[in-house]
Amino acid sequence: MLLIFSMFSFALSMSISPGPVNFTILSSAMNYGFKNTIAFLSGATIGFTALLAAVCFGLFQLLHGYPIFLDALSIFGAALLMWMGWGIFRADPTQVQAQQQSQAPGFFYGVMMQWLNPKAWIAAFTGTAIFSVRQSTTDLMLFVLIYFVVCYVSLLIWAILGEKMALFLNQGQRMRIMNRIMGIILIAIALDIGMSRFLV
């Protein structure tokens, strides 16, 4: 029972805390609604779960000796975040209702963003290191299952929060200002990822 609680606590702390995927879901739900954000958050959950499973069952040992992989991951991840941040920054709330279905980030972007998200890799590597101590395949399978459920619920909460915020922001220039702020946050995260990786 203690092991399950530890796995749950780790998964919750990593999934619910602010990060690139969470901010993207928040912004998507604000602009396109909860329903049109489900595909992206489902992709993000499945994408991370697949990443975690891959790390748990072999990728951890394979990549441990290849730091150049993490450098490449940082470059592509930062580039993706910059692109998405710029898109959110430029989002025109007056066109959102007419473009809800076509412009909302989809399932594939959710999957791809997790595999290029350094926070996701850190969570996967750290969790694997912690919960593979007993070298039990059952433990790791349980960890992946718990993380899937916790991750999905956590991202749903961010989407619900985004839709609720839209009720307040859909007045005057509030949504436009919020889009600018969210875009700048994602761009800042991208710059931080790049600089922290290559300026240390």
Protein backbone atom coordinates (compact mmCIF):
# COMPACT_ATOMS: atom_id res chain seq x y z
CA MET A 1 0.00 0.00 0.00
CA LEU A 2 2.87 2.37 0.80
CA LEU A 3 4.38 1.69 -2.62
CA ILE A 4 1.08 2.54 -4.35
CA PHE A 5 0.77 5.76 -2.33
CA SER A 6 4.34 6.72 -3.25
CA MET A 7 3.68 6.06 -6.94
CA PHE A 8 0.44 8.06 -6.79
CA SER A 9 2.11 10.98 -5.01
CA PHE A 10 4.98 11.09 -7.50
CA ALA A 11 2.64 10.90 -10.50
CA LEU A 12 0.36 13.61 -9.10
CA SER A 13 3.18 16.01 -8.26
CA MET A 14 4.64 15.69 -11.76
CA SER A 15 1.33 15.71 -13.66
CA ILE A 16 -0.57 18.50 -11.90
CA SER A 17 2.36 20.92 -11.63
CA PRO A 18 2.65 23.63 -14.33
CA GLY A 19 4.57 22.69 -17.45
CA PRO A 20 4.49 23.15 -21.22
CA VAL A 21 1.75 20.57 -21.82
CA ASN A 22 -0.39 21.88 -18.95
CA PHE A 23 -0.16 25.46 -20.22
CA THR A 24 -1.01 24.35 -23.76
CA ILE A 25 -4.09 22.51 -22.48
CA LEU A 26 -5.11 25.54 -20.42
CA SER A 27 -4.78 27.81 -23.45
CA SER A 28 -6.56 25.38 -25.77
CA ALA A 29 -9.52 25.01 -23.41
CA MET A 30 -9.75 28.78 -23.00
CA ASN A 31 -9.78 29.37 -26.74
CA TYR A 32 -11.48 26.28 -28.16
CA GLY A 33 -13.42 24.82 -25.25
CA PHE A 34 -13.12 21.69 -23.13
CA LYS A 35 -14.62 19.34 -25.73
CA ASN A 36 -12.18 20.39 -28.46
CA THR A 37 -9.23 19.95 -26.08
CA ILE A 38 -9.99 16.31 -25.22
CA ALA A 39 -8.10 14.97 -28.26
CA PHE A 40 -4.93 16.86 -27.35
CA LEU A 41 -4.97 15.90 -23.67
CA SER A 42 -5.74 12.27 -24.58
CA GLY A 43 -2.76 12.27 -26.92
CA ALA A 44 -0.60 13.85 -24.23
CA THR A 45 -1.64 11.21 -21.70
CA ILE A 46 -1.12 8.28 -24.07
CA GLY A 47 2.10 9.81 -25.38
CA PHE A 48 3.56 10.14 -21.90
CA THR A 49 2.38 6.70 -20.84
CA ALA A 50 4.08 5.19 -23.90
CA LEU A 51 7.24 7.16 -23.11
CA LEU A 52 7.19 6.03 -19.48
CA ALA A 53 6.67 2.40 -20.48
CA ALA A 54 9.54 2.61 -22.97
CA VAL A 55 11.84 4.09 -20.33
CA CYS A 56 10.75 1.59 -17.68
CA PHE A 57 11.31 -1.42 -19.91
CA GLY A 58 14.64 -0.74 -21.59
CA LEU A 59 15.09 2.81 -22.85
CA PHE A 60 16.47 3.94 -19.47
CA GLN A 61 19.52 1.69 -19.74
CA LEU A 62 19.93 2.29 -23.48
CA LEU A 63 20.02 6.10 -23.30
CA HIS A 64 21.80 6.49 -19.97
CA GLY A 65 25.18 6.57 -21.67
CA TYR A 66 24.19 8.90 -24.53
CA PRO A 67 23.88 12.49 -23.26
CA ILE A 68 23.85 13.74 -26.87
CA PHE A 69 20.31 12.36 -27.11
CA LEU A 70 19.21 14.73 -24.36
CA ASP A 71 20.85 17.62 -26.22
CA ALA A 72 18.89 16.78 -29.37
CA LEU A 73 15.71 16.38 -27.33
CA SER A 74 16.21 19.83 -25.83
CA ILE A 75 16.66 21.41 -29.27
CA PHE A 76 13.56 19.82 -30.80
CA GLY A 77 11.50 20.28 -27.65
CA ALA A 78 12.41 23.95 -27.35
CA ALA A 79 11.65 24.50 -31.05
CA LEU A 80 8.22 22.88 -30.69
CA LEU A 81 7.40 24.97 -27.63
CA MET A 82 8.53 28.16 -29.38
CA TRP A 83 6.26 27.33 -32.33
CA MET A 84 3.25 26.56 -30.14
CA GLY A 85 3.92 29.59 -27.93
CA TRP A 86 4.01 31.86 -30.98
CA GLY A 87 0.76 30.35 -32.24
CA ILE A 88 -0.95 31.01 -28.91
CA PHE A 89 0.52 34.52 -28.73
CA ARG A 90 -0.97 35.33 -32.15
CA ALA A 91 -4.33 33.62 -31.52
CA ASP A 92 -7.25 35.89 -32.41
CA PRO A 93 -10.15 35.23 -30.01
CA THR A 94 -12.61 36.81 -32.48
CA GLN A 95 -11.97 33.93 -34.92
CA VAL A 96 -12.01 31.11 -32.38
CA GLN A 97 -15.67 30.16 -32.62
CA ALA A 98 -15.49 29.87 -36.40
CA GLN A 99 -12.31 27.77 -36.22
CA GLN A 100 -12.85 25.72 -33.08
CA GLN A 101 -12.55 22.27 -34.62
CA SER A 102 -9.81 22.96 -37.17
CA GLN A 103 -7.45 25.08 -35.05
CA ALA A 104 -7.47 23.26 -31.70
CA PRO A 105 -4.32 21.16 -31.17
CA GLY A 106 -5.10 17.51 -31.87
CA PHE A 107 -4.19 14.03 -30.67
CA PHE A 108 -0.95 13.78 -32.65
CA TYR A 109 0.35 17.06 -31.23
CA GLY A 110 -0.37 15.79 -27.73
CA VAL A 111 1.66 12.63 -28.32
CA MET A 112 4.51 14.47 -30.04
CA MET A 113 4.69 17.21 -27.44
CA GLN A 114 5.23 14.71 -24.63
CA TRP A 115 8.04 12.93 -26.48
CA LEU A 116 9.72 16.31 -27.06
CA ASN A 117 8.98 17.62 -23.57
CA PRO A 118 12.05 17.59 -21.28
CA LYS A 119 9.78 17.64 -18.21
CA ALA A 120 8.20 14.39 -19.39
CA TRP A 121 11.60 12.75 -19.87
CA ILE A 122 12.74 13.91 -16.43
CA ALA A 123 9.58 12.48 -14.87
CA ALA A 124 9.99 9.19 -16.74
CA PHE A 125 13.69 8.79 -15.90
CA THR A 126 13.27 9.86 -12.26
CA GLY A 127 10.24 7.64 -11.70
CA THR A 128 11.95 4.67 -13.30
CA ALA A 129 15.05 5.16 -11.16
CA ILE A 130 12.95 5.36 -7.98
CA PHE A 131 10.53 2.51 -8.59
CA SER A 132 12.85 0.03 -10.31
CA VAL A 133 14.95 -0.51 -7.20
CA ARG A 134 13.34 -3.89 -6.52
CA GLN A 135 13.79 -4.80 -10.22
CA SER A 136 10.19 -5.97 -10.31
CA THR A 137 8.36 -5.92 -13.62
CA THR A 138 5.07 -5.94 -11.71
CA ASP A 139 6.08 -2.78 -9.83
CA LEU A 140 6.90 -0.97 -13.06
CA MET A 141 3.67 -2.08 -14.75
CA LEU A 142 1.73 -0.83 -11.72
CA PHE A 143 3.62 2.48 -11.88
CA VAL A 144 2.76 2.96 -15.56
CA LEU A 145 -0.92 2.17 -14.90
CA ILE A 146 -1.16 4.55 -11.93
CA TYR A 147 0.62 7.28 -13.87
CA PHE A 148 -1.79 6.91 -16.80
CA VAL A 149 -4.85 7.47 -14.59
CA VAL A 150 -3.31 10.30 -12.56
CA CYS A 151 -1.94 12.04 -15.66
CA TYR A 152 -5.28 11.92 -17.48
CA VAL A 153 -7.23 13.26 -14.51
CA SER A 154 -4.64 16.00 -13.90
CA LEU A 155 -4.79 17.18 -17.50
CA LEU A 156 -8.60 17.08 -17.40
CA ILE A 157 -8.44 19.44 -14.42
CA TRP A 158 -6.27 21.87 -16.41
CA ALA A 159 -8.75 21.72 -19.31
CA ILE A 160 -11.72 22.36 -17.01
CA LEU A 161 -9.85 25.28 -15.46
CA GLY A 162 -9.19 26.71 -18.90
CA GLU A 163 -12.83 26.54 -19.93
CA LYS A 164 -13.93 28.16 -16.66
CA MET A 165 -11.39 30.95 -17.13
CA ALA A 166 -12.81 31.59 -20.60
CA LEU A 167 -16.13 32.63 -19.05
CA PHE A 168 -14.32 35.51 -17.38
CA LEU A 169 -11.93 36.26 -20.22
CA ASN A 170 -14.50 36.39 -23.03
CA GLN A 171 -15.06 40.09 -22.48
CA GLY A 172 -13.32 42.90 -24.32
CA GLN A 173 -9.58 42.37 -24.71
CA ARG A 174 -9.15 39.96 -21.77
CA MET A 175 -8.78 36.81 -23.89
CA ARG A 176 -6.34 38.50 -26.25
CA ILE A 177 -4.22 39.65 -23.30
CA MET A 178 -4.33 36.18 -21.73
CA ASN A 179 -3.25 34.61 -25.03
CA ARG A 180 -0.28 36.97 -25.11
CA ILE A 181 0.65 36.01 -21.55
CA MET A 182 0.31 32.25 -22.18
CA GLY A 183 2.31 32.54 -25.41
CA ILE A 184 5.09 34.43 -23.65
CA ILE A 185 5.18 31.83 -20.86
CA LEU A 186 5.63 28.98 -23.35
CA ILE A 187 8.30 30.88 -25.27
CA ALA A 188 10.09 31.65 -21.99
CA ILE A 189 9.98 27.96 -21.03
CA ALA A 190 11.45 27.07 -24.43
CA LEU A 191 14.27 29.59 -24.01
CA ASP A 192 14.95 28.32 -20.49
CA ILE A 193 15.15 24.72 -21.75
CA GLY A 194 17.66 25.71 -24.40
CA MET A 195 19.81 27.91 -22.20
CA SER A 196 19.82 25.60 -19.18
CA ARG A 197 20.95 22.70 -21.37
CA PHE A 198 23.71 24.44 -23.27
CA LEU A 199 24.92 27.21 -20.95
CA VAL A 200 25.90 25.02 -18.00
